[in-house]
Amino acid sequence: MKLLELTEFLVKSLVSEPDMVSVKEFDDEDLVTIVVMVAKKDMGKVIGRQGKIIKAIRTLVSASSYMNNLPKVKIEINEF
């Protein structure tokens, strides 16, 4: 599974409005940046208490990147 698809699947599974989720990928030579856009009311569901949910998402995507010999991943979350 590609990193973009994995991130999109994980985020859409958490939110109440999955149609409002937008995930984009920006590649550099040694870093992949994934930008996730969610509705304002779903921001708390994605971040979680003390950032535990987003930290878990970042860990899963980073592990997938490492296992597939891909560059490091950075995930950013923004709201509409």
PDB file of N, CA and C in Angstrom:
ATOM      1  N   MET A   1       0.855  -1.179   0.000  1.00  0.00           N
ATOM      2  CA  MET A   1       0.000   0.000   0.000  1.00  0.00           C
ATOM      3  C   MET A   1       0.895   1.234   0.000  1.00  0.00           C
ATOM      4  N   LYS A   2       0.554   2.186  -0.806  1.00  0.00           N
ATOM      5  CA  LYS A   2       1.329   3.425  -0.870  1.00  0.00           C
ATOM      6  C   LYS A   2       1.081   4.267   0.381  1.00  0.00           C
ATOM      7  N   LEU A   3       2.032   5.129   0.673  1.00  0.00           N
ATOM      8  CA  LEU A   3       1.948   5.950   1.881  1.00  0.00           C
ATOM      9  C   LEU A   3       0.742   6.881   1.853  1.00  0.00           C
ATOM     10  N   LEU A   4       0.461   7.456   0.702  1.00  0.00           N
ATOM     11  CA  LEU A   4      -0.675   8.362   0.570  1.00  0.00           C
ATOM     12  C   LEU A   4      -1.983   7.619   0.831  1.00  0.00           C
ATOM     13  N   GLU A   5      -2.125   6.435   0.242  1.00  0.00           N
ATOM     14  CA  GLU A   5      -3.342   5.647   0.426  1.00  0.00           C
ATOM     15  C   GLU A   5      -3.497   5.184   1.873  1.00  0.00           C
ATOM     16  N   LEU A   6      -2.390   4.793   2.491  1.00  0.00           N
ATOM     17  CA  LEU A   6      -2.431   4.367   3.887  1.00  0.00           C
ATOM     18  C   LEU A   6      -2.868   5.504   4.793  1.00  0.00           C
ATOM     19  N   THR A   7      -2.292   6.673   4.599  1.00  0.00           N
ATOM     20  CA  THR A   7      -2.645   7.837   5.411  1.00  0.00           C
ATOM     21  C   THR A   7      -4.114   8.203   5.214  1.00  0.00           C
ATOM     22  N   GLU A   8      -4.558   8.221   3.971  1.00  0.00           N
ATOM     23  CA  GLU A   8      -5.952   8.564   3.676  1.00  0.00           C
ATOM     24  C   GLU A   8      -6.903   7.561   4.316  1.00  0.00           C
ATOM     25  N   PHE A   9      -6.594   6.279   4.238  1.00  0.00           N
ATOM     26  CA  PHE A   9      -7.436   5.248   4.845  1.00  0.00           C
ATOM     27  C   PHE A   9      -7.530   5.435   6.358  1.00  0.00           C
ATOM     28  N   LEU A  10      -6.400   5.660   7.005  1.00  0.00           N
ATOM     29  CA  LEU A  10      -6.391   5.825   8.454  1.00  0.00           C
ATOM     30  C   LEU A  10      -7.190   7.046   8.894  1.00  0.00           C
ATOM     31  N   VAL A  11      -7.003   8.164   8.211  1.00  0.00           N
ATOM     32  CA  VAL A  11      -7.698   9.398   8.597  1.00  0.00           C
ATOM     33  C   VAL A  11      -9.193   9.294   8.316  1.00  0.00           C
ATOM     34  N   LYS A  12      -9.561   8.759   7.155  1.00  0.00           N
ATOM     35  CA  LYS A  12     -10.991   8.634   6.822  1.00  0.00           C
ATOM     36  C   LYS A  12     -11.714   7.678   7.766  1.00  0.00           C
ATOM     37  N   SER A  13     -10.998   6.727   8.321  1.00  0.00           N
ATOM     38  CA  SER A  13     -11.602   5.800   9.278  1.00  0.00           C
ATOM     39  C   SER A  13     -11.945   6.477  10.598  1.00  0.00           C
ATOM     40  N   LEU A  14     -11.297   7.584  10.891  1.00  0.00           N
ATOM     41  CA  LEU A  14     -11.487   8.263  12.174  1.00  0.00           C
ATOM     42  C   LEU A  14     -12.557   9.349  12.152  1.00  0.00           C
ATOM     43  N   VAL A  15     -12.715  10.038  11.041  1.00  0.00           N
ATOM     44  CA  VAL A  15     -13.528  11.246  11.008  1.00  0.00           C
ATOM     45  C   VAL A  15     -15.001  10.943  10.762  1.00  0.00           C
ATOM     46  N   SER A  16     -15.853  11.926  11.085  1.00  0.00           N
ATOM     47  CA  SER A  16     -17.291  11.770  10.857  1.00  0.00           C
ATOM     48  C   SER A  16     -17.688  12.216   9.448  1.00  0.00           C
ATOM     49  N   GLU A  17     -16.844  13.008   8.785  1.00  0.00           N
ATOM     50  CA  GLU A  17     -17.098  13.442   7.416  1.00  0.00           C
ATOM     51  C   GLU A  17     -15.933  13.015   6.514  1.00  0.00           C
ATOM     52  N   PRO A  18     -15.899  11.737   6.104  1.00  0.00           N
ATOM     53  CA  PRO A  18     -14.772  11.267   5.294  1.00  0.00           C
ATOM     54  C   PRO A  18     -14.701  11.911   3.912  1.00  0.00           C
ATOM     55  N   ASP A  19     -15.812  12.442   3.415  1.00  0.00           N
ATOM     56  CA  ASP A  19     -15.807  13.102   2.107  1.00  0.00           C
ATOM     57  C   ASP A  19     -15.040  14.423   2.140  1.00  0.00           C
ATOM     58  N   MET A  20     -14.877  15.001   3.314  1.00  0.00           N
ATOM     59  CA  MET A  20     -14.175  16.274   3.458  1.00  0.00           C
ATOM     60  C   MET A  20     -12.660  16.109   3.611  1.00  0.00           C
ATOM     61  N   VAL A  21     -12.181  14.878   3.643  1.00  0.00           N
ATOM     62  CA  VAL A  21     -10.749  14.618   3.831  1.00  0.00           C
ATOM     63  C   VAL A  21     -10.028  14.745   2.493  1.00  0.00           C
ATOM     64  N   SER A  22      -8.950  15.502   2.502  1.00  0.00           N
ATOM     65  CA  SER A  22      -8.105  15.666   1.322  1.00  0.00           C
ATOM     66  C   SER A  22      -6.665  15.373   1.731  1.00  0.00           C
ATOM     67  N   VAL A  23      -6.004  14.491   0.970  1.00  0.00           N
ATOM     68  CA  VAL A  23      -4.632  14.103   1.281  1.00  0.00           C
ATOM     69  C   VAL A  23      -3.775  14.331   0.049  1.00  0.00           C
ATOM     70  N   LYS A  24      -2.693  15.087   0.213  1.00  0.00           N
ATOM     71  CA  LYS A  24      -1.778  15.369  -0.892  1.00  0.00           C
ATOM     72  C   LYS A  24      -0.356  15.027  -0.481  1.00  0.00           C
ATOM     73  N   GLU A  25       0.440  14.641  -1.461  1.00  0.00           N
ATOM     74  CA  GLU A  25       1.814  14.220  -1.215  1.00  0.00           C
ATOM     75  C   GLU A  25       2.774  15.106  -1.991  1.00  0.00           C
ATOM     76  N   PHE A  26       3.834  15.539  -1.319  1.00  0.00           N
ATOM     77  CA  PHE A  26       4.883  16.336  -1.941  1.00  0.00           C
ATOM     78  C   PHE A  26       6.207  15.619  -1.732  1.00  0.00           C
ATOM     79  N   ASP A  27       6.910  15.345  -2.828  1.00  0.00           N
ATOM     80  CA  ASP A  27       8.160  14.585  -2.769  1.00  0.00           C
ATOM     81  C   ASP A  27       9.373  15.486  -2.897  1.00  0.00           C
ATOM     82  N   ASP A  28      10.358  15.228  -2.065  1.00  0.00           N
ATOM     83  CA  ASP A  28      11.700  15.771  -2.204  1.00  0.00           C
ATOM     84  C   ASP A  28      12.621  14.565  -2.377  1.00  0.00           C
ATOM     85  N   GLU A  29      13.890  14.799  -2.473  1.00  0.00           N
ATOM     86  CA  GLU A  29      14.820  13.691  -2.641  1.00  0.00           C
ATOM     87  C   GLU A  29      14.857  12.776  -1.419  1.00  0.00           C
ATOM     88  N   ASP A  30      14.918  13.343  -0.232  1.00  0.00           N
ATOM     89  CA  ASP A  30      15.065  12.531   0.965  1.00  0.00           C
ATOM     90  C   ASP A  30      13.925  12.696   1.965  1.00  0.00           C
ATOM     91  N   LEU A  31      12.808  13.314   1.553  1.00  0.00           N
ATOM     92  CA  LEU A  31      11.675  13.521   2.452  1.00  0.00           C
ATOM     93  C   LEU A  31      10.377  13.555   1.656  1.00  0.00           C
ATOM     94  N   VAL A  32       9.371  12.857   2.160  1.00  0.00           N
ATOM     95  CA  VAL A  32       8.023  12.896   1.593  1.00  0.00           C
ATOM     96  C   VAL A  32       7.144  13.625   2.597  1.00  0.00           C
ATOM     97  N   THR A  33       6.480  14.683   2.158  1.00  0.00           N
ATOM     98  CA  THR A  33       5.571  15.429   3.017  1.00  0.00           C
ATOM     99  C   THR A  33       4.148  15.110   2.604  1.00  0.00           C
ATOM    100  N   ILE A  34       3.344  14.645   3.547  1.00  0.00           N
ATOM    101  CA  ILE A  34       1.935  14.346   3.297  1.00  0.00           C
ATOM    102  C   ILE A  34       1.115  15.375   4.060  1.00  0.00           C
ATOM    103  N   VAL A  35       0.283  16.114   3.319  1.00  0.00           N
ATOM    104  CA  VAL A  35      -0.563  17.145   3.918  1.00  0.00           C
ATOM    105  C   VAL A  35      -1.993  16.621   3.949  1.00  0.00           C
ATOM    106  N   VAL A  36      -2.580  16.586   5.142  1.00  0.00           N
ATOM    107  CA  VAL A  36      -3.936  16.093   5.341  1.00  0.00           C
ATOM    108  C   VAL A  36      -4.828  17.274   5.693  1.00  0.00           C
ATOM    109  N   MET A  37      -5.917  17.439   4.955  1.00  0.00           N
ATOM    110  CA  MET A  37      -6.900  18.487   5.232  1.00  0.00           C
ATOM    111  C   MET A  37      -8.180  17.812   5.723  1.00  0.00           C
ATOM    112  N   VAL A  38      -8.672  18.240   6.886  1.00  0.00           N
ATOM    113  CA  VAL A  38      -9.909  17.695   7.451  1.00  0.00           C
ATOM    114  C   VAL A  38     -10.827  18.843   7.842  1.00  0.00           C
ATOM    115  N   ALA A  39     -12.106  18.510   8.045  1.00  0.00           N
ATOM    116  CA  ALA A  39     -13.071  19.508   8.508  1.00  0.00           C
ATOM    117  C   ALA A  39     -12.691  19.964   9.916  1.00  0.00           C
ATOM    118  N   LYS A  40     -13.068  21.188  10.248  1.00  0.00           N
ATOM    119  CA  LYS A  40     -12.687  21.771  11.538  1.00  0.00           C
ATOM    120  C   LYS A  40     -13.189  20.933  12.706  1.00  0.00           C
ATOM    121  N   LYS A  41     -14.402  20.397  12.585  1.00  0.00           N
ATOM    122  CA  LYS A  41     -14.962  19.638  13.708  1.00  0.00           C
ATOM    123  C   LYS A  41     -14.321  18.253  13.864  1.00  0.00           C
ATOM    124  N   ASP A  42     -13.619  17.782  12.843  1.00  0.00           N
ATOM    125  CA  ASP A  42     -12.946  16.487  12.921  1.00  0.00           C
ATOM    126  C   ASP A  42     -11.489  16.595  13.347  1.00  0.00           C
ATOM    127  N   MET A  43     -10.998  17.787  13.529  1.00  0.00           N
ATOM    128  CA  MET A  43      -9.600  17.995  13.869  1.00  0.00           C
ATOM    129  C   MET A  43      -9.231  17.289  15.182  1.00  0.00           C
ATOM    130  N   GLY A  44     -10.090  17.383  16.176  1.00  0.00           N
ATOM    131  CA  GLY A  44      -9.827  16.751  17.462  1.00  0.00           C
ATOM    132  C   GLY A  44      -9.791  15.236  17.383  1.00  0.00           C
ATOM    133  N   LYS A  45     -10.606  14.661  16.502  1.00  0.00           N
ATOM    134  CA  LYS A  45     -10.625  13.209  16.344  1.00  0.00           C
ATOM    135  C   LYS A  45      -9.327  12.708  15.727  1.00  0.00           C
ATOM    136  N   VAL A  46      -8.754  13.489  14.838  1.00  0.00           N
ATOM    137  CA  VAL A  46      -7.523  13.076  14.171  1.00  0.00           C
ATOM    138  C   VAL A  46      -6.319  13.285  15.091  1.00  0.00           C
ATOM    139  N   ILE A  47      -6.322  14.367  15.851  1.00  0.00           N
ATOM    140  CA  ILE A  47      -5.193  14.646  16.738  1.00  0.00           C
ATOM    141  C   ILE A  47      -5.253  13.773  17.986  1.00  0.00           C
ATOM    142  N   GLY A  48      -6.416  13.641  18.602  1.00  0.00           N
ATOM    143  CA  GLY A  48      -6.557  12.839  19.809  1.00  0.00           C
ATOM    144  C   GLY A  48      -6.055  13.573  21.036  1.00  0.00           C
ATOM    145  N   ARG A  49      -6.283  12.988  22.175  1.00  0.00           N
ATOM    146  CA  ARG A  49      -5.830  13.603  23.422  1.00  0.00           C
ATOM    147  C   ARG A  49      -4.318  13.566  23.501  1.00  0.00           C
ATOM    148  N   GLN A  50      -3.756  14.720  23.737  1.00  0.00           N
ATOM    149  CA  GLN A  50      -2.303  14.912  23.827  1.00  0.00           C
ATOM    150  C   GLN A  50      -1.583  14.425  22.568  1.00  0.00           C
ATOM    151  N   GLY A  51      -2.303  14.407  21.435  1.00  0.00           N
ATOM    152  CA  GLY A  51      -1.685  14.060  20.162  1.00  0.00           C
ATOM    153  C   GLY A  51      -1.413  12.583  19.963  1.00  0.00           C
ATOM    154  N   LYS A  52      -2.065  11.725  20.726  1.00  0.00           N
ATOM    155  CA  LYS A  52      -1.771  10.300  20.647  1.00  0.00           C
ATOM    156  C   LYS A  52      -2.210   9.672  19.322  1.00  0.00           C
ATOM    157  N   ILE A  53      -3.342  10.090  18.774  1.00  0.00           N
ATOM    158  CA  ILE A  53      -3.836   9.500  17.525  1.00  0.00           C
ATOM    159  C   ILE A  53      -2.924   9.872  16.362  1.00  0.00           C
ATOM    160  N   ILE A  54      -2.603  11.146  16.211  1.00  0.00           N
ATOM    161  CA  ILE A  54      -1.740  11.559  15.097  1.00  0.00           C
ATOM    162  C   ILE A  54      -0.349  10.966  15.253  1.00  0.00           C
ATOM    163  N   LYS A  55       0.098  10.809  16.473  1.00  0.00           N
ATOM    164  CA  LYS A  55       1.406  10.183  16.707  1.00  0.00           C
ATOM    165  C   LYS A  55       1.387   8.726  16.236  1.00  0.00           C
ATOM    166  N   ALA A  56       0.288   8.031  16.485  1.00  0.00           N
ATOM    167  CA  ALA A  56       0.154   6.641  16.049  1.00  0.00           C
ATOM    168  C   ALA A  56       0.094   6.555  14.521  1.00  0.00           C
ATOM    169  N   ILE A  57      -0.623   7.493  13.893  1.00  0.00           N
ATOM    170  CA  ILE A  57      -0.685   7.524  12.434  1.00  0.00           C
ATOM    171  C   ILE A  57       0.706   7.758  11.861  1.00  0.00           C
ATOM    172  N   ARG A  58       1.421   8.704  12.422  1.00  0.00           N
ATOM    173  CA  ARG A  58       2.781   8.989  11.948  1.00  0.00           C
ATOM    174  C   ARG A  58       3.687   7.772  12.121  1.00  0.00           C
ATOM    175  N   THR A  59       3.536   7.055  13.214  1.00  0.00           N
ATOM    176  CA  THR A  59       4.349   5.864  13.454  1.00  0.00           C
ATOM    177  C   THR A  59       4.052   4.781  12.418  1.00  0.00           C
ATOM    178  N   LEU A  60       2.770   4.535  12.137  1.00  0.00           N
ATOM    179  CA  LEU A  60       2.398   3.517  11.157  1.00  0.00           C
ATOM    180  C   LEU A  60       2.908   3.857   9.758  1.00  0.00           C
ATOM    181  N   VAL A  61       2.740   5.113   9.355  1.00  0.00           N
ATOM    182  CA  VAL A  61       3.178   5.520   8.022  1.00  0.00           C
ATOM    183  C   VAL A  61       4.701   5.495   7.926  1.00  0.00           C
ATOM    184  N   SER A  62       5.376   5.924   8.973  1.00  0.00           N
ATOM    185  CA  SER A  62       6.843   5.878   8.974  1.00  0.00           C
ATOM    186  C   SER A  62       7.360   4.448   8.925  1.00  0.00           C
ATOM    187  N   ALA A  63       6.708   3.540   9.644  1.00  0.00           N
ATOM    188  CA  ALA A  63       7.113   2.135   9.619  1.00  0.00           C
ATOM    189  C   ALA A  63       6.906   1.544   8.234  1.00  0.00           C
ATOM    190  N   SER A  64       5.799   1.892   7.586  1.00  0.00           N
ATOM    191  CA  SER A  64       5.551   1.418   6.225  1.00  0.00           C
ATOM    192  C   SER A  64       6.602   1.958   5.265  1.00  0.00           C
ATOM    193  N   SER A  65       6.973   3.205   5.442  1.00  0.00           N
ATOM    194  CA  SER A  65       8.010   3.810   4.613  1.00  0.00           C
ATOM    195  C   SER A  65       9.343   3.090   4.802  1.00  0.00           C
ATOM    196  N   TYR A  66       9.688   2.808   6.035  1.00  0.00           N
ATOM    197  CA  TYR A  66      10.944   2.130   6.343  1.00  0.00           C
ATOM    198  C   TYR A  66      10.962   0.706   5.770  1.00  0.00           C
ATOM    199  N   MET A  67       9.850  -0.012   5.920  1.00  0.00           N
ATOM    200  CA  MET A  67       9.784  -1.394   5.447  1.00  0.00           C
ATOM    201  C   MET A  67       9.874  -1.492   3.925  1.00  0.00           C
ATOM    202  N   ASN A  68       9.457  -0.437   3.222  1.00  0.00           N
ATOM    203  CA  ASN A  68       9.475  -0.429   1.756  1.00  0.00           C
ATOM    204  C   ASN A  68      10.657   0.348   1.192  1.00  0.00           C
ATOM    205  N   ASN A  69      11.653   0.658   2.042  1.00  0.00           N
ATOM    206  CA  ASN A  69      12.853   1.389   1.619  1.00  0.00           C
ATOM    207  C   ASN A  69      12.534   2.704   0.910  1.00  0.00           C
ATOM    208  N   LEU A  70      11.578   3.437   1.464  1.00  0.00           N
ATOM    209  CA  LEU A  70      11.190   4.743   0.936  1.00  0.00           C
ATOM    210  C   LEU A  70      11.805   5.831   1.809  1.00  0.00           C
ATOM    211  N   PRO A  71      11.819   7.078   1.311  1.00  0.00           N
ATOM    212  CA  PRO A  71      12.380   8.162   2.134  1.00  0.00           C
ATOM    213  C   PRO A  71      11.536   8.429   3.388  1.00  0.00           C
ATOM    214  N   LYS A  72      12.085   9.227   4.293  1.00  0.00           N
ATOM    215  CA  LYS A  72      11.375   9.583   5.517  1.00  0.00           C
ATOM    216  C   LYS A  72      10.091  10.336   5.194  1.00  0.00           C
ATOM    217  N   VAL A  73       9.144  10.259   6.114  1.00  0.00           N
ATOM    218  CA  VAL A  73       7.820  10.841   5.903  1.00  0.00           C
ATOM    219  C   VAL A  73       7.542  11.883   6.973  1.00  0.00           C
ATOM    220  N   LYS A  74       6.930  12.977   6.550  1.00  0.00           N
ATOM    221  CA  LYS A  74       6.465  14.026   7.459  1.00  0.00           C
ATOM    222  C   LYS A  74       4.978  14.224   7.176  1.00  0.00           C
ATOM    223  N   ILE A  75       4.149  14.197   8.210  1.00  0.00           N
ATOM    224  CA  ILE A  75       2.699  14.365   8.035  1.00  0.00           C
ATOM    225  C   ILE A  75       2.277  15.664   8.702  1.00  0.00           C
ATOM    226  N   GLU A  76       1.578  16.493   7.942  1.00  0.00           N
ATOM    227  CA  GLU A  76       1.037  17.747   8.458  1.00  0.00           C
ATOM    228  C   GLU A  76      -0.484  17.681   8.394  1.00  0.00           C
ATOM    229  N   ILE A  77      -1.154  18.271   9.377  1.00  0.00           N
ATOM    230  CA  ILE A  77      -2.615  18.284   9.401  1.00  0.00           C
ATOM    231  C   ILE A  77      -3.080  19.728   9.415  1.00  0.00           C
ATOM    232  N   ASN A  78      -4.033  20.033   8.528  1.00  0.00           N
ATOM    233  CA  ASN A  78      -4.652  21.359   8.457  1.00  0.00           C
ATOM    234  C   ASN A  78      -6.157  21.187   8.422  1.00  0.00           C
ATOM    235  N   GLU A  79      -6.874  22.261   8.704  1.00  0.00           N
ATOM    236  CA  GLU A  79      -8.333  22.208   8.652  1.00  0.00           C
ATOM    237  C   GLU A  79      -8.854  23.107   7.548  1.00  0.00           C
ATOM    238  N   PHE A  80     -10.042  22.758   7.060  1.00  0.00           N
ATOM    239  CA  PHE A  80     -10.703  23.572   6.037  1.00  0.00           C
ATOM    240  C   PHE A  80     -11.277  24.811   6.658  1.00  0.00           C
TER     241      PHE A  80
END
